[in-house]
Protein backbone atom coordinates (compact mmCIF):
# COMPACT_ATOMS: atom_id res chain seq x y z
CA MET A 1 100.04 12.92 -45.60
CA TYR A 2 100.90 16.44 -44.77
CA GLN A 3 103.04 19.21 -46.40
CA PHE A 4 104.93 22.03 -44.81
CA PHE A 5 107.51 24.74 -45.68
CA SER A 6 110.74 25.74 -43.87
CA ILE A 7 113.66 27.66 -44.57
CA ARG A 8 117.48 25.75 -44.39
CA LYS A 9 120.51 28.15 -43.52
CA SER A 10 122.87 28.26 -46.30
CA GLN A 11 126.49 26.96 -45.44
CA LYS A 12 128.29 29.87 -46.82
CA ASP A 13 126.25 32.76 -45.31
CA LYS A 14 124.29 31.90 -42.47
CA ASN A 15 122.01 34.96 -42.51
CA PHE A 16 120.39 33.37 -45.80
CA GLY A 17 118.46 30.47 -46.31
CA THR A 18 116.91 28.66 -49.19
CA ILE A 19 112.95 27.91 -48.65
CA ILE A 20 112.28 23.87 -48.65
CA GLU A 21 108.84 22.15 -49.38
CA SER A 22 108.84 18.98 -47.33
CA ILE A 23 106.10 16.00 -47.64
CA PHE A 24 105.65 13.73 -44.77
CA ASP A 25 103.23 10.51 -44.50
CA ASP A 26 102.80 10.24 -40.96
CA ARG A 27 106.45 10.64 -39.80
CA THR A 28 108.00 9.18 -43.06
CA PRO A 29 109.54 11.97 -45.00
CA ILE A 30 108.34 11.32 -48.86
CA SER A 31 109.93 14.44 -50.26
CA ARG A 32 112.04 17.57 -49.38
CA LYS A 33 113.04 20.03 -52.09
CA SER A 34 113.63 23.61 -52.83
CA ILE A 35 111.52 25.85 -54.53
CA GLY A 36 114.20 28.00 -55.63
CA PHE A 37 113.97 30.88 -53.50
CA LYS A 38 117.17 32.29 -51.50
CA ILE A 39 116.27 34.76 -48.77
CA PRO A 40 117.20 36.54 -45.75
CA MET A 41 116.58 34.54 -42.40
CA LYS A 42 114.69 37.12 -40.83
CA HIS A 43 112.16 37.62 -43.51
CA TRP A 44 111.05 33.90 -43.15
CA ASP A 45 107.89 34.02 -40.57
CA LYS A 46 108.04 30.08 -39.61
CA ASN A 47 104.63 30.05 -37.69
CA ASN A 48 102.78 31.15 -40.89
CA GLU A 49 105.24 29.33 -43.29
CA LYS A 50 105.55 32.44 -45.56
CA VAL A 51 107.93 35.61 -46.41
CA LYS A 52 107.23 38.62 -44.22
CA VAL A 53 106.21 41.90 -45.90
CA ASN A 54 108.98 43.66 -46.62
CA ASP A 55 110.88 45.81 -49.51
CA GLU A 56 114.15 44.13 -49.85
CA ILE A 57 112.64 40.89 -51.76
CA ASP A 58 109.65 40.20 -53.91
CA HIS A 59 107.34 38.75 -51.03
CA VAL A 60 104.42 38.72 -53.27
CA LEU A 61 105.99 36.53 -55.72
CA ILE A 62 107.23 34.00 -53.07
CA ASN A 63 104.08 33.76 -51.31
CA GLY A 64 102.18 33.11 -54.25
CA ARG A 65 104.28 30.44 -55.23
CA ILE A 66 104.14 28.77 -51.79
CA GLN A 67 100.36 28.92 -51.98
CA MET A 68 100.16 27.56 -55.45
CA LEU A 69 102.23 24.59 -54.21
CA LYS A 70 99.75 24.29 -51.31
CA ASP A 71 97.00 24.38 -53.59
CA VAL A 72 98.31 21.71 -55.89
CA PHE A 73 99.33 19.38 -52.64
CA ASN A 74 95.54 19.78 -51.29
CA LYS A 75 94.06 19.10 -54.71
CA GLU A 76 96.12 15.99 -55.34
CA ASN A 77 95.34 14.70 -51.84
CA LYS A 78 91.47 15.14 -52.17
CA LYS A 79 91.57 13.06 -55.37
CA GLY A 80 93.16 10.43 -53.25
CA LYS A 81 96.59 10.27 -55.34
CA ARG A 82 99.52 9.33 -52.94
CA MET A 83 103.04 10.05 -53.87
CA VAL A 84 105.20 7.25 -54.17
CA LYS A 85 108.39 7.12 -52.52
CA LYS A 86 111.22 5.63 -54.50
CA SER A 87 113.23 2.93 -52.83
CA THR A 88 116.78 3.46 -52.20
CA ARG A 89 117.40 0.03 -50.70
CA ARG A 90 118.25 -2.95 -52.78
């Protein structure tokens, strides 16, 4: 299982986007959810999966939240816990 962070463009304003946490098991998506931060697209560093240093937004707070989510994910996976995908099929 692996985790990564990306940014999804806003439909109303293409210059802004929401940071998304994605969790996959091999190629199967397990979870995709917003971490609750909307930032200008130009401030997202997709190679390092974090917010670039700037004065417009609180990059320390957002990058700290991303790091915390990464740490929790890594800790849970070391214990052997497995996130269970809720089935939508009936």
